[in-house]
């Protein structure tokens, strides 16, 4: 960009243009989407962007839209195209009378992205100095380039509470009123990030909204999320986008990071906690003696 620190303020968000990144700061007012209130600020390196567009918006507005490369942002990877337009963190809505200014920044960003693409091993040729837009760089990123939501995460689902410690473990604790008998029989679930290969998020705005953890190995599992102990289901105000999507993105980023480091051994304290919960279920008659013994042996084998 020509000048570091240029700022373009829109509706519910502000873009700041740095020499190597686009910084998006979100408004935290009552009218802003609740997802924006949670995200607060995101730093998007230029290498994470594929293109930028400017299109007419609704009711006298224009929309500046930065398009991330596939695999560059854990939030958008987890969303998998399910976000409503008004919740897309890469859209900046501006009054129509700022269209000329928006065009300037669009062109500036396009020039920067074209120069970066021209220097990549995937470039088909040098950038055109007259029309530097070129084709969007849709080559998948080999790692996440945008930081995921930080810190421990939790939210209430319809059938339980999902928690993530921010690093290594995800837990599902079932509710008495919403969980299926299959989930009660399986007991509260504790998943080590190193044992997962992915996350499936289905928006709570659809009938079968859920968060499903995908274990390594591809073991058979129930087709319905309400029957699968590796899933929590949404509905009736449970698992809202602004809580469940950042949760899914944070877990997905941790999974990708764990693929790059040696596996860690489960701690005795974590295993003891899981055995304690198993014992409570056994005493309540929700698991049989045989199931209790088999699961306890499985947990002890993790040490």
Protein backbone atom coordinates (compact mmCIF):
# COMPACT_ATOMS: atom_id res chain seq x y z
CA UNK A 1 0.00 0.00 0.00
CA UNK A 2 1.16 3.54 -0.62
CA UNK A 3 0.69 4.77 2.93
CA UNK A 4 0.86 2.69 6.06
CA UNK A 5 -1.96 3.26 8.51
CA UNK A 6 -4.67 4.47 6.09
CA UNK A 7 -8.12 3.84 7.55
CA UNK A 8 -11.46 3.28 5.83
CA UNK A 9 -14.47 3.34 8.17
CA UNK A 10 -17.64 1.55 7.14
CA UNK A 11 -20.83 0.31 8.76
CA UNK A 12 -20.01 -1.97 11.74
CA UNK A 13 -16.29 -2.24 10.81
CA UNK A 14 -13.13 -0.29 9.96
CA UNK A 15 -10.34 -1.40 7.67
CA UNK A 16 -6.77 -0.28 8.34
CA UNK A 17 -4.26 -0.81 5.55
CA UNK A 18 -0.79 -1.81 6.69
CA UNK A 19 2.21 -2.47 4.47
CA UNK A 20 1.80 -6.25 4.74
CA UNK A 21 -1.70 -6.81 6.06
CA UNK A 22 -5.31 -5.69 6.25
CA UNK A 23 -6.46 -5.08 9.85
CA UNK A 24 -10.22 -5.33 10.36
CA UNK A 25 -11.65 -3.81 13.53
CA UNK A 26 -15.30 -4.48 14.31
CA UNK A 27 -17.78 -2.18 16.01
CA UNK A 28 -19.18 -3.48 19.29
CA UNK A 29 -22.49 -1.61 19.30
CA UNK A 30 -25.91 -3.16 19.75
CA UNK A 31 -26.65 -2.96 16.03
CA UNK A 32 -23.52 -4.80 14.94
CA UNK A 33 -23.76 -8.58 14.34
CA UNK A 34 -22.96 -10.43 17.54
CA UNK A 35 -20.23 -12.37 15.74
CA UNK A 36 -18.40 -9.07 15.16
CA UNK A 37 -18.63 -8.28 18.88
CA UNK A 38 -16.86 -11.56 19.61
CA UNK A 39 -14.19 -11.26 16.90
CA UNK A 40 -13.30 -7.63 17.80
CA UNK A 41 -10.23 -7.40 15.54
CA UNK A 42 -8.55 -9.55 12.89
CA UNK A 43 -5.20 -9.11 11.19
CA UNK A 44 -5.23 -10.58 7.69
CA UNK A 45 -1.81 -10.82 5.99
CA UNK A 46 -1.85 -10.02 2.28
CA UNK A 47 -0.75 -13.58 1.55
CA UNK A 48 -4.05 -14.78 3.06
CA UNK A 49 -6.11 -12.87 0.47
CA UNK A 50 -7.10 -14.08 -2.99
CA UNK A 51 -8.79 -10.92 -4.31
CA UNK A 52 -10.88 -7.87 -3.45
CA UNK A 53 -14.09 -6.70 -5.12
CA UNK A 54 -16.41 -3.69 -5.01
CA UNK A 55 -20.12 -4.16 -5.74
CA UNK A 56 -23.37 -2.25 -5.22
CA UNK A 57 -25.02 -2.94 -1.87
CA UNK A 58 -28.52 -2.48 -0.50
CA UNK A 59 -30.23 0.82 0.22
CA UNK A 60 -27.63 3.23 -1.11
CA UNK A 61 -24.45 1.40 -0.15
CA UNK A 62 -21.45 -0.23 -1.78
CA UNK A 63 -19.64 -3.30 -0.51
CA UNK A 64 -15.87 -3.75 -0.46
CA UNK A 65 -15.20 -7.47 -0.13
CA UNK A 66 -11.83 -9.07 0.58
CA UNK A 67 -11.83 -12.74 -0.45
CA UNK A 68 -9.59 -15.04 1.61
CA UNK A 69 -7.65 -17.89 0.02
CA UNK A 70 -8.92 -21.40 0.74
CA UNK A 71 -7.35 -22.74 3.91
CA UNK A 72 -6.04 -19.36 5.10
CA UNK A 73 -8.61 -18.54 7.79
CA UNK A 74 -9.87 -21.13 10.32
CA UNK A 75 -13.08 -19.17 10.88
CA UNK A 76 -14.05 -19.27 7.21
CA UNK A 77 -12.92 -22.89 6.86
CA UNK A 78 -15.18 -23.90 9.75
CA UNK A 79 -18.07 -21.80 8.36
CA UNK A 80 -17.80 -23.60 5.00
CA UNK A 81 -19.86 -20.98 3.16
CA UNK A 82 -22.74 -20.97 5.67
CA UNK A 83 -22.37 -17.42 7.01
CA UNK A 84 -25.10 -14.92 6.17
CA UNK A 85 -23.87 -11.90 4.20
CA UNK A 86 -24.33 -9.51 7.10
CA UNK A 87 -22.08 -11.73 9.28
CA UNK A 88 -19.25 -12.06 6.73
CA UNK A 89 -16.22 -10.47 8.46
CA UNK A 90 -14.59 -9.75 5.08
CA UNK A 91 -17.38 -7.45 3.82
CA UNK A 92 -17.11 -3.71 4.46
CA UNK A 93 -20.38 -1.86 3.78
CA UNK A 94 -20.00 1.85 2.92
CA UNK A 95 -22.39 4.67 1.98
CA UNK A 96 -22.62 5.02 -1.80
CA UNK A 97 -21.08 8.51 -1.66
CA UNK A 98 -17.79 6.87 -0.59
CA UNK A 99 -17.61 4.70 -3.70
CA UNK A 100 -14.73 6.64 -5.24
CA UNK A 101 -12.64 6.22 -2.09
CA UNK A 102 -13.57 2.54 -1.95
CA UNK A 103 -12.44 2.13 -5.58
CA UNK A 104 -9.08 3.64 -4.68
CA UNK A 105 -8.47 1.16 -1.86
CA UNK A 106 -9.75 -1.73 -3.95
CA UNK A 107 -7.25 -0.87 -6.68
CA UNK A 108 -4.44 -0.45 -4.16
CA UNK A 109 -5.10 -3.84 -2.61
CA UNK A 110 -5.42 -5.47 -6.03
CA UNK A 111 -2.05 -4.09 -7.05
CA UNK A 112 -0.43 -5.45 -3.88
CA UNK A 113 -2.05 -8.87 -4.33
CA UNK A 114 -1.12 -9.04 -8.01
CA UNK A 115 2.52 -8.23 -7.19
CA UNK A 116 2.59 -10.96 -4.55
CA UNK A 117 0.97 -13.49 -6.87
CA UNK A 118 3.41 -12.64 -9.67
CA UNK A 119 6.27 -13.57 -7.38
CA UNK A 120 4.78 -16.90 -6.29
CA UNK A 121 5.70 -20.25 -7.86
CA UNK A 122 2.05 -20.59 -8.98
CA UNK A 123 2.05 -17.44 -11.10
CA UNK A 124 1.41 -17.94 -14.81
CA UNK A 125 3.25 -14.81 -15.82
CA UNK A 126 4.26 -11.28 -14.72
CA UNK A 127 1.64 -8.81 -13.55
CA UNK A 128 0.22 -6.50 -16.20
CA UNK A 129 1.15 -2.88 -15.25
CA UNK A 130 -1.91 -1.57 -17.11
CA UNK A 131 -4.43 -4.01 -15.62
CA UNK A 132 -2.77 -5.62 -12.59
CA UNK A 133 -5.90 -7.35 -11.34
CA UNK A 134 -5.22 -10.72 -12.94
CA UNK A 135 -6.88 -13.90 -11.74
CA UNK A 136 -7.64 -14.40 -8.03
CA UNK A 137 -5.01 -16.45 -6.21
CA UNK A 138 -7.19 -19.40 -5.16
CA UNK A 139 -4.28 -21.74 -4.44
CA UNK A 140 -4.98 -23.29 -1.00
CA UNK A 141 -2.78 -22.09 1.84
CA UNK A 142 -0.65 -24.84 3.40
CA UNK A 143 -1.40 -23.48 6.89
CA UNK A 144 -3.71 -21.02 8.59
CA UNK A 145 -2.48 -17.48 8.05
CA UNK A 146 -5.15 -15.67 10.10
CA UNK A 147 -5.14 -16.19 13.87
CA UNK A 148 -8.06 -18.17 15.33
CA UNK A 149 -10.19 -16.90 18.24
CA UNK A 150 -8.02 -17.13 21.34
CA UNK A 151 -8.44 -18.55 24.84
CA UNK A 152 -10.81 -21.10 26.35
CA UNK A 153 -14.16 -21.37 24.57
CA UNK A 154 -17.54 -22.70 25.68
CA UNK A 155 -21.19 -22.55 24.72
CA UNK A 156 -24.49 -24.20 25.59
CA UNK A 157 -25.88 -26.60 23.03
CA UNK A 158 -29.37 -28.07 23.14
CA UNK A 159 -28.16 -31.37 24.58
CA UNK A 160 -25.15 -30.30 26.60
CA UNK A 161 -22.30 -27.89 27.18
CA UNK A 162 -19.26 -27.80 24.89
CA UNK A 163 -15.93 -26.59 26.32
CA UNK A 164 -12.46 -26.20 24.86
CA UNK A 165 -9.44 -25.40 27.00
CA UNK A 166 -7.85 -23.47 24.12
CA UNK A 167 -5.05 -25.97 23.57
CA UNK A 168 -5.52 -29.70 23.93
CA UNK A 169 -8.92 -30.92 25.11
CA UNK A 170 -12.59 -30.58 24.08
CA UNK A 171 -15.35 -31.79 26.39
CA UNK A 172 -19.08 -32.37 25.97
CA UNK A 173 -21.12 -32.58 29.20
CA UNK A 174 -24.67 -33.73 28.59
CA UNK A 175 -27.78 -32.04 29.95
CA UNK A 176 -30.53 -34.01 31.65
CA UNK A 177 -33.25 -32.50 29.50
CA UNK A 178 -31.80 -32.50 25.97
CA UNK A 179 -29.34 -35.39 25.56
CA UNK A 180 -30.42 -38.62 23.90
CA UNK A 181 -30.26 -41.95 25.72
CA UNK A 182 -27.31 -42.91 23.50
CA UNK A 183 -25.32 -39.94 24.74
CA UNK A 184 -26.22 -40.58 28.37
CA UNK A 185 -25.13 -44.16 27.97
CA UNK A 186 -21.81 -43.07 26.49
CA UNK A 187 -21.30 -40.54 29.29
CA UNK A 188 -19.68 -37.11 29.21
CA UNK A 189 -17.10 -36.99 26.46
CA UNK A 190 -13.49 -35.78 26.57
CA UNK A 191 -11.52 -35.51 23.33
CA UNK A 192 -7.81 -34.91 22.98
CA UNK A 193 -7.09 -32.58 20.07
CA UNK A 194 -4.31 -34.86 18.87
CA UNK A 195 -6.93 -37.61 18.33
CA UNK A 196 -9.07 -35.45 16.03
CA UNK A 197 -8.72 -34.79 12.31
CA UNK A 198 -11.38 -32.13 11.79
CA UNK A 199 -14.54 -30.31 12.84
CA UNK A 200 -17.95 -30.24 11.14
CA UNK A 201 -20.04 -27.15 11.90
CA UNK A 202 -23.62 -26.87 10.67
CA UNK A 203 -25.15 -23.47 11.27
CA UNK A 204 -27.81 -23.21 14.01
CA UNK A 205 -29.86 -21.34 11.39
CA UNK A 206 -30.71 -24.69 9.73
CA UNK A 207 -32.81 -27.56 11.08
CA UNK A 208 -29.95 -29.99 11.66
CA UNK A 209 -27.46 -27.52 13.12
CA UNK A 210 -24.69 -29.18 15.09
CA UNK A 211 -21.00 -29.31 15.94
CA UNK A 212 -19.38 -32.68 15.26
CA UNK A 213 -15.79 -33.63 16.08
CA UNK A 214 -14.15 -35.94 13.55
CA UNK A 215 -11.83 -38.54 15.11
CA UNK A 216 -8.77 -39.86 13.34
CA UNK A 217 -9.14 -43.34 11.91
CA UNK A 218 -12.64 -42.85 10.51
CA UNK A 219 -14.38 -45.16 12.99
CA UNK A 220 -18.08 -45.81 12.26
CA UNK A 221 -20.40 -43.34 13.98
CA UNK A 222 -24.09 -42.53 14.12
CA UNK A 223 -25.39 -40.66 11.09
CA UNK A 224 -27.58 -38.38 13.23
CA UNK A 225 -25.81 -35.82 15.39
CA UNK A 226 -28.24 -36.32 18.29
CA UNK A 227 -27.15 -39.97 18.47
CA UNK A 228 -23.40 -39.32 18.11
CA UNK A 229 -21.43 -38.72 21.36
CA UNK A 230 -18.87 -36.79 19.30
CA UNK A 231 -21.52 -34.16 18.47
CA UNK A 232 -23.61 -31.52 20.18
CA UNK A 233 -26.81 -30.30 18.53
CA UNK A 234 -28.16 -26.76 18.22
CA UNK A 235 -31.70 -25.41 18.18
CA UNK A 236 -34.14 -23.26 20.16
CA UNK A 237 -31.53 -20.57 20.73
CA UNK A 238 -28.75 -23.02 21.65
CA UNK A 239 -25.35 -22.92 19.92
CA UNK A 240 -25.70 -19.45 18.34
CA UNK A 241 -23.34 -18.55 15.50
CA UNK A 242 -21.36 -15.99 17.50
CA UNK A 243 -20.40 -18.65 20.06
CA UNK A 244 -20.36 -21.99 18.24
CA UNK A 245 -18.50 -20.82 15.11
CA UNK A 246 -15.50 -19.25 16.94
CA UNK A 247 -15.43 -22.42 19.06
CA UNK A 248 -15.30 -24.59 15.93
CA UNK A 249 -12.59 -22.37 14.39
CA UNK A 250 -10.44 -22.48 17.53
CA UNK A 251 -10.65 -26.28 17.72
CA UNK A 252 -9.91 -26.64 14.01
CA UNK A 253 -6.83 -24.43 14.33
CA UNK A 254 -5.61 -26.48 17.31
CA UNK A 255 -6.05 -29.68 15.30
CA UNK A 256 -4.00 -28.30 12.42
CA UNK A 257 -1.31 -27.15 14.87
CA UNK A 258 -1.19 -30.56 16.53
CA UNK A 259 -0.43 -32.10 13.15
CA UNK A 260 2.87 -30.19 13.21
CA UNK A 261 4.13 -31.20 16.67
CA UNK A 262 4.83 -34.55 18.35
CA UNK A 263 1.87 -36.16 20.12
CA UNK A 264 1.60 -35.54 23.84
CA UNK A 265 0.82 -38.14 26.49
CA UNK A 266 -2.42 -37.71 28.47
CA UNK A 267 -1.84 -36.37 32.01
CA UNK A 268 -2.86 -38.49 35.01
CA UNK A 269 -5.07 -35.65 36.26
CA UNK A 270 -7.09 -35.50 33.05
CA UNK A 271 -7.57 -39.27 32.98
CA UNK A 272 -8.60 -39.32 36.66
CA UNK A 273 -11.24 -36.65 35.97
CA UNK A 274 -12.69 -38.68 33.11
CA UNK A 275 -12.76 -41.84 35.24
CA UNK A 276 -14.56 -39.92 38.01
CA UNK A 277 -17.30 -38.86 35.58
CA UNK A 278 -17.54 -42.42 34.31
CA UNK A 279 -17.98 -43.64 37.88
CA UNK A 280 -20.83 -41.18 38.45
CA UNK A 281 -22.63 -42.53 35.39
CA UNK A 282 -22.05 -46.09 36.59
CA UNK A 283 -23.49 -45.32 40.02
CA UNK A 284 -26.51 -43.69 38.39
CA UNK A 285 -27.15 -46.88 36.42
CA UNK A 286 -26.50 -45.25 33.06
CA UNK A 287 -23.66 -47.66 32.16
CA UNK A 288 -23.38 -51.35 32.97
CA UNK A 289 -20.62 -53.00 34.99
CA UNK A 290 -19.07 -54.36 31.78
CA UNK A 291 -19.19 -50.98 30.03
CA UNK A 292 -17.67 -49.28 33.07
CA UNK A 293 -14.79 -51.76 33.25
CA UNK A 294 -14.06 -51.60 29.51
CA UNK A 295 -14.09 -47.80 29.37
CA UNK A 296 -11.98 -47.48 32.52
CA UNK A 297 -9.37 -49.81 31.04
CA UNK A 298 -9.40 -47.77 27.82
CA UNK A 299 -8.79 -44.53 29.76
CA UNK A 300 -5.97 -46.04 31.82
CA UNK A 301 -4.33 -47.22 28.61
CA UNK A 302 -3.90 -43.56 27.56
CA UNK A 303 -1.33 -43.00 30.34
